[in-house]
Amino acid sequence: MTTHRHLQLTFGPETVTAPIVYTMGKNYQVIPNIRRANIEQHVGWMVLDLEGEPADLDAATEYLKGLGIEVSSAEGDIVAG
């Protein structure tokens, strides 16, 4: 059963230019939807909506954390529409 997870990601200089959303979607069977983002040269943040099976969402979240990306819940912080 697919479900949604709403995440706030914070990037440091090591990951800000990496194609993490593409890689995550390709390798972890999740559908990412970038809701908001501000990516600068050395830092960035993103509000990301992920859709997928719970185990795939967990694996994708662990992938992000393994890259050193700060991951937190973004419940109630999603742009309507």
PDB file of N, CA and C in Angstrom:
ATOM      1  N   MET A   1       0.842  -1.178   0.000  1.00  0.00           N
ATOM      2  CA  MET A   1       0.000   0.000   0.000  1.00  0.00           C
ATOM      3  C   MET A   1       0.888   1.243   0.000  1.00  0.00           C
ATOM      4  N   THR A   2       0.737   2.066  -1.009  1.00  0.00           N
ATOM      5  CA  THR A   2       1.566   3.271  -1.067  1.00  0.00           C
ATOM      6  C   THR A   2       1.078   4.311  -0.070  1.00  0.00           C
ATOM      7  N   THR A   3       2.017   5.090   0.376  1.00  0.00           N
ATOM      8  CA  THR A   3       1.730   6.148   1.329  1.00  0.00           C
ATOM      9  C   THR A   3       2.609   7.350   0.988  1.00  0.00           C
ATOM     10  N   HIS A   4       2.383   8.437   1.680  1.00  0.00           N
ATOM     11  CA  HIS A   4       3.151   9.664   1.454  1.00  0.00           C
ATOM     12  C   HIS A   4       3.939  10.014   2.699  1.00  0.00           C
ATOM     13  N   ARG A   5       5.080  10.623   2.482  1.00  0.00           N
ATOM     14  CA  ARG A   5       5.888  11.149   3.575  1.00  0.00           C
ATOM     15  C   ARG A   5       6.347  12.545   3.161  1.00  0.00           C
ATOM     16  N   HIS A   6       6.204  13.501   4.050  1.00  0.00           N
ATOM     17  CA  HIS A   6       6.577  14.895   3.788  1.00  0.00           C
ATOM     18  C   HIS A   6       7.826  15.208   4.612  1.00  0.00           C
ATOM     19  N   LEU A   7       8.900  15.552   3.923  1.00  0.00           N
ATOM     20  CA  LEU A   7      10.188  15.731   4.586  1.00  0.00           C
ATOM     21  C   LEU A   7      10.763  17.120   4.365  1.00  0.00           C
ATOM     22  N   GLN A   8      11.465  17.604   5.363  1.00  0.00           N
ATOM     23  CA  GLN A   8      12.280  18.816   5.261  1.00  0.00           C
ATOM     24  C   GLN A   8      13.728  18.343   5.231  1.00  0.00           C
ATOM     25  N   LEU A   9      14.457  18.703   4.178  1.00  0.00           N
ATOM     26  CA  LEU A   9      15.855  18.321   4.032  1.00  0.00           C
ATOM     27  C   LEU A   9      16.731  19.559   4.148  1.00  0.00           C
ATOM     28  N   THR A  10      17.855  19.424   4.833  1.00  0.00           N
ATOM     29  CA  THR A  10      18.829  20.501   4.932  1.00  0.00           C
ATOM     30  C   THR A  10      20.169  19.964   4.446  1.00  0.00           C
ATOM     31  N   PHE A  11      20.744  20.653   3.456  1.00  0.00           N
ATOM     32  CA  PHE A  11      21.967  20.213   2.798  1.00  0.00           C
ATOM     33  C   PHE A  11      23.151  21.053   3.240  1.00  0.00           C
ATOM     34  N   GLY A  12      24.307  20.410   3.335  1.00  0.00           N
ATOM     35  CA  GLY A  12      25.557  21.112   3.555  1.00  0.00           C
ATOM     36  C   GLY A  12      26.353  21.161   2.261  1.00  0.00           C
ATOM     37  N   PRO A  13      27.550  21.700   2.315  1.00  0.00           N
ATOM     38  CA  PRO A  13      28.356  21.868   1.100  1.00  0.00           C
ATOM     39  C   PRO A  13      28.733  20.552   0.424  1.00  0.00           C
ATOM     40  N   GLU A  14      28.751  19.443   1.166  1.00  0.00           N
ATOM     41  CA  GLU A  14      29.132  18.157   0.586  1.00  0.00           C
ATOM     42  C   GLU A  14      28.067  17.603  -0.355  1.00  0.00           C
ATOM     43  N   THR A  15      26.812  17.974  -0.148  1.00  0.00           N
ATOM     44  CA  THR A  15      25.718  17.361  -0.915  1.00  0.00           C
ATOM     45  C   THR A  15      24.886  18.347  -1.714  1.00  0.00           C
ATOM     46  N   VAL A  16      25.138  19.628  -1.580  1.00  0.00           N
ATOM     47  CA  VAL A  16      24.250  20.627  -2.178  1.00  0.00           C
ATOM     48  C   VAL A  16      24.210  20.539  -3.705  1.00  0.00           C
ATOM     49  N   THR A  17      25.266  20.071  -4.346  1.00  0.00           N
ATOM     50  CA  THR A  17      25.265  19.992  -5.812  1.00  0.00           C
ATOM     51  C   THR A  17      25.034  18.577  -6.342  1.00  0.00           C
ATOM     52  N   ALA A  18      24.864  17.605  -5.464  1.00  0.00           N
ATOM     53  CA  ALA A  18      24.669  16.210  -5.887  1.00  0.00           C
ATOM     54  C   ALA A  18      23.231  15.981  -6.363  1.00  0.00           C
ATOM     55  N   PRO A  19      23.034  15.089  -7.334  1.00  0.00           N
ATOM     56  CA  PRO A  19      21.687  14.794  -7.840  1.00  0.00           C
ATOM     57  C   PRO A  19      20.944  13.797  -6.942  1.00  0.00           C
ATOM     58  N   ILE A  20      20.749  14.148  -5.683  1.00  0.00           N
ATOM     59  CA  ILE A  20      20.213  13.194  -4.714  1.00  0.00           C
ATOM     60  C   ILE A  20      18.762  12.817  -4.973  1.00  0.00           C
ATOM     61  N   VAL A  21      17.928  13.741  -5.430  1.00  0.00           N
ATOM     62  CA  VAL A  21      16.516  13.426  -5.671  1.00  0.00           C
ATOM     63  C   VAL A  21      16.406  12.431  -6.825  1.00  0.00           C
ATOM     64  N   TYR A  22      17.153  12.651  -7.884  1.00  0.00           N
ATOM     65  CA  TYR A  22      17.159  11.724  -9.017  1.00  0.00           C
ATOM     66  C   TYR A  22      17.638  10.338  -8.577  1.00  0.00           C
ATOM     67  N   THR A  23      18.774  10.294  -7.890  1.00  0.00           N
ATOM     68  CA  THR A  23      19.349   9.022  -7.462  1.00  0.00           C
ATOM     69  C   THR A  23      18.413   8.283  -6.519  1.00  0.00           C
ATOM     70  N   MET A  24      17.806   8.998  -5.588  1.00  0.00           N
ATOM     71  CA  MET A  24      16.881   8.381  -4.645  1.00  0.00           C
ATOM     72  C   MET A  24      15.682   7.778  -5.370  1.00  0.00           C
ATOM     73  N   GLY A  25      15.092   8.522  -6.295  1.00  0.00           N
ATOM     74  CA  GLY A  25      13.942   8.016  -7.044  1.00  0.00           C
ATOM     75  C   GLY A  25      14.284   6.808  -7.888  1.00  0.00           C
ATOM     76  N   LYS A  26      15.459   6.804  -8.464  1.00  0.00           N
ATOM     77  CA  LYS A  26      15.897   5.703  -9.325  1.00  0.00           C
ATOM     78  C   LYS A  26      16.215   4.445  -8.527  1.00  0.00           C
ATOM     79  N   ASN A  27      16.854   4.602  -7.374  1.00  0.00           N
ATOM     80  CA  ASN A  27      17.352   3.451  -6.622  1.00  0.00           C
ATOM     81  C   ASN A  27      16.418   2.924  -5.544  1.00  0.00           C
ATOM     82  N   TYR A  28      15.415   3.697  -5.137  1.00  0.00           N
ATOM     83  CA  TYR A  28      14.614   3.297  -3.977  1.00  0.00           C
ATOM     84  C   TYR A  28      13.121   3.188  -4.256  1.00  0.00           C
ATOM     85  N   GLN A  29      12.693   3.156  -5.484  1.00  0.00           N
ATOM     86  CA  GLN A  29      11.287   2.939  -5.834  1.00  0.00           C
ATOM     87  C   GLN A  29      10.343   3.891  -5.107  1.00  0.00           C
ATOM     88  N   VAL A  30      10.725   5.159  -5.038  1.00  0.00           N
ATOM     89  CA  VAL A  30       9.859   6.199  -4.480  1.00  0.00           C
ATOM     90  C   VAL A  30       9.652   7.264  -5.550  1.00  0.00           C
ATOM     91  N   ILE A  31       8.541   7.973  -5.440  1.00  0.00           N
ATOM     92  CA  ILE A  31       8.238   9.067  -6.361  1.00  0.00           C
ATOM     93  C   ILE A  31       8.420  10.369  -5.592  1.00  0.00           C
ATOM     94  N   PRO A  32       9.467  11.144  -5.927  1.00  0.00           N
ATOM     95  CA  PRO A  32       9.698  12.402  -5.224  1.00  0.00           C
ATOM     96  C   PRO A  32       8.973  13.564  -5.898  1.00  0.00           C
ATOM     97  N   ASN A  33       8.499  14.492  -5.094  1.00  0.00           N
ATOM     98  CA  ASN A  33       7.881  15.719  -5.580  1.00  0.00           C
ATOM     99  C   ASN A  33       8.444  16.871  -4.748  1.00  0.00           C
ATOM    100  N   ILE A  34       9.242  17.720  -5.382  1.00  0.00           N
ATOM    101  CA  ILE A  34       9.823  18.864  -4.677  1.00  0.00           C
ATOM    102  C   ILE A  34       8.742  19.927  -4.530  1.00  0.00           C
ATOM    103  N   ARG A  35       8.387  20.237  -3.291  1.00  0.00           N
ATOM    104  CA  ARG A  35       7.326  21.212  -3.021  1.00  0.00           C
ATOM    105  C   ARG A  35       7.865  22.625  -2.867  1.00  0.00           C
ATOM    106  N   ARG A  36       9.031  22.746  -2.263  1.00  0.00           N
ATOM    107  CA  ARG A  36       9.708  24.031  -2.084  1.00  0.00           C
ATOM    108  C   ARG A  36      11.189  23.753  -1.932  1.00  0.00           C
ATOM    109  N   ALA A  37      12.002  24.704  -2.345  1.00  0.00           N
ATOM    110  CA  ALA A  37      13.442  24.529  -2.164  1.00  0.00           C
ATOM    111  C   ALA A  37      14.156  25.864  -2.276  1.00  0.00           C
ATOM    112  N   ASN A  38      15.279  25.932  -1.609  1.00  0.00           N
ATOM    113  CA  ASN A  38      16.199  27.057  -1.740  1.00  0.00           C
ATOM    114  C   ASN A  38      17.597  26.454  -1.690  1.00  0.00           C
ATOM    115  N   ILE A  39      18.222  26.366  -2.848  1.00  0.00           N
ATOM    116  CA  ILE A  39      19.544  25.769  -2.959  1.00  0.00           C
ATOM    117  C   ILE A  39      20.520  26.866  -3.368  1.00  0.00           C
ATOM    118  N   GLU A  40      21.530  27.076  -2.549  1.00  0.00           N
ATOM    119  CA  GLU A  40      22.554  28.072  -2.842  1.00  0.00           C
ATOM    120  C   GLU A  40      23.883  27.360  -3.063  1.00  0.00           C
ATOM    121  N   GLN A  41      24.951  28.109  -3.184  1.00  0.00           N
ATOM    122  CA  GLN A  41      26.238  27.519  -3.531  1.00  0.00           C
ATOM    123  C   GLN A  41      26.738  26.520  -2.485  1.00  0.00           C
ATOM    124  N   HIS A  42      26.561  26.817  -1.195  1.00  0.00           N
ATOM    125  CA  HIS A  42      27.139  25.964  -0.156  1.00  0.00           C
ATOM    126  C   HIS A  42      26.120  25.339   0.791  1.00  0.00           C
ATOM    127  N   VAL A  43      24.884  25.779   0.757  1.00  0.00           N
ATOM    128  CA  VAL A  43      23.851  25.243   1.645  1.00  0.00           C
ATOM    129  C   VAL A  43      22.522  25.225   0.910  1.00  0.00           C
ATOM    130  N   GLY A  44      21.582  24.480   1.454  1.00  0.00           N
ATOM    131  CA  GLY A  44      20.255  24.482   0.858  1.00  0.00           C
ATOM    132  C   GLY A  44      19.264  23.743   1.725  1.00  0.00           C
ATOM    133  N   TRP A  45      17.996  23.939   1.419  1.00  0.00           N
ATOM    134  CA  TRP A  45      16.926  23.203   2.083  1.00  0.00           C
ATOM    135  C   TRP A  45      15.870  22.862   1.040  1.00  0.00           C
ATOM    136  N   MET A  46      15.079  21.850   1.341  1.00  0.00           N
ATOM    137  CA  MET A  46      14.047  21.397   0.417  1.00  0.00           C
ATOM    138  C   MET A  46      12.906  20.775   1.212  1.00  0.00           C
ATOM    139  N   VAL A  47      11.674  21.060   0.802  1.00  0.00           N
ATOM    140  CA  VAL A  47      10.511  20.347   1.314  1.00  0.00           C
ATOM    141  C   VAL A  47      10.131  19.364   0.222  1.00  0.00           C
ATOM    142  N   LEU A  48      10.147  18.088   0.569  1.00  0.00           N
ATOM    143  CA  LEU A  48       9.992  17.014  -0.395  1.00  0.00           C
ATOM    144  C   LEU A  48       8.833  16.122   0.004  1.00  0.00           C
ATOM    145  N   ASP A  49       7.972  15.811  -0.945  1.00  0.00           N
ATOM    146  CA  ASP A  49       6.879  14.864  -0.746  1.00  0.00           C
ATOM    147  C   ASP A  49       7.305  13.567  -1.419  1.00  0.00           C
ATOM    148  N   LEU A  50       7.339  12.477  -0.659  1.00  0.00           N
ATOM    149  CA  LEU A  50       7.694  11.173  -1.212  1.00  0.00           C
ATOM    150  C   LEU A  50       6.485  10.258  -1.192  1.00  0.00           C
ATOM    151  N   GLU A  51       6.316   9.484  -2.260  1.00  0.00           N
ATOM    152  CA  GLU A  51       5.253   8.492  -2.338  1.00  0.00           C
ATOM    153  C   GLU A  51       5.884   7.138  -2.592  1.00  0.00           C
ATOM    154  N   GLY A  52       5.404   6.119  -1.887  1.00  0.00           N
ATOM    155  CA  GLY A  52       5.918   4.771  -2.095  1.00  0.00           C
ATOM    156  C   GLY A  52       5.472   3.838  -0.991  1.00  0.00           C
ATOM    157  N   GLU A  53       5.970   2.611  -1.071  1.00  0.00           N
ATOM    158  CA  GLU A  53       5.701   1.626  -0.027  1.00  0.00           C
ATOM    159  C   GLU A  53       6.467   2.035   1.236  1.00  0.00           C
ATOM    160  N   PRO A  54       5.922   1.742   2.413  1.00  0.00           N
ATOM    161  CA  PRO A  54       6.593   2.153   3.652  1.00  0.00           C
ATOM    162  C   PRO A  54       8.055   1.712   3.748  1.00  0.00           C
ATOM    163  N   ALA A  55       8.367   0.485   3.354  1.00  0.00           N
ATOM    164  CA  ALA A  55       9.755   0.010   3.425  1.00  0.00           C
ATOM    165  C   ALA A  55      10.654   0.797   2.472  1.00  0.00           C
ATOM    166  N   ASP A  56      10.136   1.150   1.293  1.00  0.00           N
ATOM    167  CA  ASP A  56      10.913   1.940   0.338  1.00  0.00           C
ATOM    168  C   ASP A  56      11.124   3.363   0.848  1.00  0.00           C
ATOM    169  N   LEU A  57      10.103   3.929   1.488  1.00  0.00           N
ATOM    170  CA  LEU A  57      10.240   5.266   2.074  1.00  0.00           C
ATOM    171  C   LEU A  57      11.290   5.263   3.183  1.00  0.00           C
ATOM    172  N   ASP A  58      11.279   4.214   4.000  1.00  0.00           N
ATOM    173  CA  ASP A  58      12.288   4.098   5.057  1.00  0.00           C
ATOM    174  C   ASP A  58      13.690   4.005   4.467  1.00  0.00           C
ATOM    175  N   ALA A  59      13.851   3.183   3.423  1.00  0.00           N
ATOM    176  CA  ALA A  59      15.163   3.016   2.788  1.00  0.00           C
ATOM    177  C   ALA A  59      15.635   4.328   2.163  1.00  0.00           C
ATOM    178  N   ALA A  60      14.730   5.052   1.515  1.00  0.00           N
ATOM    179  CA  ALA A  60      15.085   6.329   0.893  1.00  0.00           C
ATOM    180  C   ALA A  60      15.491   7.349   1.952  1.00  0.00           C
ATOM    181  N   THR A  61      14.777   7.368   3.069  1.00  0.00           N
ATOM    182  CA  THR A  61      15.107   8.285   4.159  1.00  0.00           C
ATOM    183  C   THR A  61      16.479   7.961   4.740  1.00  0.00           C
ATOM    184  N   GLU A  62      16.772   6.681   4.909  1.00  0.00           N
ATOM    185  CA  GLU A  62      18.082   6.279   5.420  1.00  0.00           C
ATOM    186  C   GLU A  62      19.192   6.630   4.434  1.00  0.00           C
ATOM    187  N   TYR A  63      18.915   6.526   3.142  1.00  0.00           N
ATOM    188  CA  TYR A  63      19.873   6.933   2.114  1.00  0.00           C
ATOM    189  C   TYR A  63      20.234   8.410   2.292  1.00  0.00           C
ATOM    190  N   LEU A  64      19.221   9.257   2.461  1.00  0.00           N
ATOM    191  CA  LEU A  64      19.458  10.689   2.642  1.00  0.00           C
ATOM    192  C   LEU A  64      20.296  10.955   3.891  1.00  0.00           C
ATOM    193  N   LYS A  65      19.924  10.321   4.986  1.00  0.00           N
ATOM    194  CA  LYS A  65      20.666  10.506   6.236  1.00  0.00           C
ATOM    195  C   LYS A  65      22.102  10.021   6.097  1.00  0.00           C
ATOM    196  N   GLY A  66      22.290   8.930   5.358  1.00  0.00           N
ATOM    197  CA  GLY A  66      23.624   8.392   5.131  1.00  0.00           C
ATOM    198  C   GLY A  66      24.526   9.335   4.354  1.00  0.00           C
ATOM    199  N   LEU A  67      23.927  10.222   3.574  1.00  0.00           N
ATOM    200  CA  LEU A  67      24.689  11.228   2.837  1.00  0.00           C
ATOM    201  C   LEU A  67      25.043  12.438   3.695  1.00  0.00           C
ATOM    202  N   GLY A  68      24.536  12.460   4.931  1.00  0.00           N
ATOM    203  CA  GLY A  68      24.793  13.598   5.807  1.00  0.00           C
ATOM    204  C   GLY A  68      23.750  14.694   5.696  1.00  0.00           C
ATOM    205  N   ILE A  69      22.628  14.384   5.051  1.00  0.00           N
ATOM    206  CA  ILE A  69      21.539  15.350   4.914  1.00  0.00           C
ATOM    207  C   ILE A  69      20.674  15.280   6.165  1.00  0.00           C
ATOM    208  N   GLU A  70      20.360  16.433   6.727  1.00  0.00           N
ATOM    209  CA  GLU A  70      19.464  16.487   7.882  1.00  0.00           C
ATOM    210  C   GLU A  70      18.042  16.282   7.386  1.00  0.00           C
ATOM    211  N   VAL A  71      17.345  15.294   7.947  1.00  0.00           N
ATOM    212  CA  VAL A  71      15.993  14.944   7.514  1.00  0.00           C
ATOM    213  C   VAL A  71      15.048  15.084   8.700  1.00  0.00           C
ATOM    214  N   SER A  72      13.961  15.830   8.507  1.00  0.00           N
ATOM    215  CA  SER A  72      12.940  15.943   9.541  1.00  0.00           C
ATOM    216  C   SER A  72      11.565  15.959   8.888  1.00  0.00           C
ATOM    217  N   SER A  73      10.545  15.742   9.684  1.00  0.00           N
ATOM    218  CA  SER A  73       9.176  15.745   9.179  1.00  0.00           C
ATOM    219  C   SER A  73       8.756  17.165   8.827  1.00  0.00           C
ATOM    220  N   ALA A  74       8.010  17.299   7.729  1.00  0.00           N
ATOM    221  CA  ALA A  74       7.518  18.613   7.299  1.00  0.00           C
ATOM    222  C   ALA A  74       6.002  18.657   7.368  1.00  0.00           C
ATOM    223  N   GLU A  75       5.401  17.868   8.230  1.00  0.00           N
ATOM    224  CA  GLU A  75       3.944  17.851   8.360  1.00  0.00           C
ATOM    225  C   GLU A  75       3.426  19.253   8.634  1.00  0.00           C
ATOM    226  N   GLY A  76       2.381  19.627   7.920  1.00  0.00           N
ATOM    227  CA  GLY A  76       1.778  20.934   8.105  1.00  0.00           C
ATOM    228  C   GLY A  76       2.547  22.057   7.447  1.00  0.00           C
ATOM    229  N   ASP A  77       3.567  21.730   6.656  1.00  0.00           N
ATOM    230  CA  ASP A  77       4.395  22.751   6.029  1.00  0.00           C
ATOM    231  C   ASP A  77       4.465  22.528   4.523  1.00  0.00           C
ATOM    232  N   ILE A  78       3.356  22.110   3.942  1.00  0.00           N
ATOM    233  CA  ILE A  78       3.304  21.789   2.519  1.00  0.00           C
ATOM    234  C   ILE A  78       2.455  22.832   1.798  1.00  0.00           C
ATOM    235  N   VAL A  79       2.915  23.256   0.651  1.00  0.00           N
ATOM    236  CA  VAL A  79       2.173  24.204  -0.173  1.00  0.00           C
ATOM    237  C   VAL A  79       0.931  23.512  -0.714  1.00  0.00           C
ATOM    238  N   ALA A  80      -0.227  24.112  -0.568  1.00  0.00           N
ATOM    239  CA  ALA A  80      -1.472  23.520  -1.063  1.00  0.00           C
ATOM    240  C   ALA A  80      -1.497  23.557  -2.581  1.00  0.00           C
ATOM    241  N   GLY A  81      -2.164  22.547  -3.154  1.00  0.00           N
ATOM    242  CA  GLY A  81      -2.334  22.554  -4.601  1.00  0.00           C
ATOM    243  C   GLY A  81      -1.775  21.403  -5.315  1.00  0.00           C
TER     244      GLY A  81
END
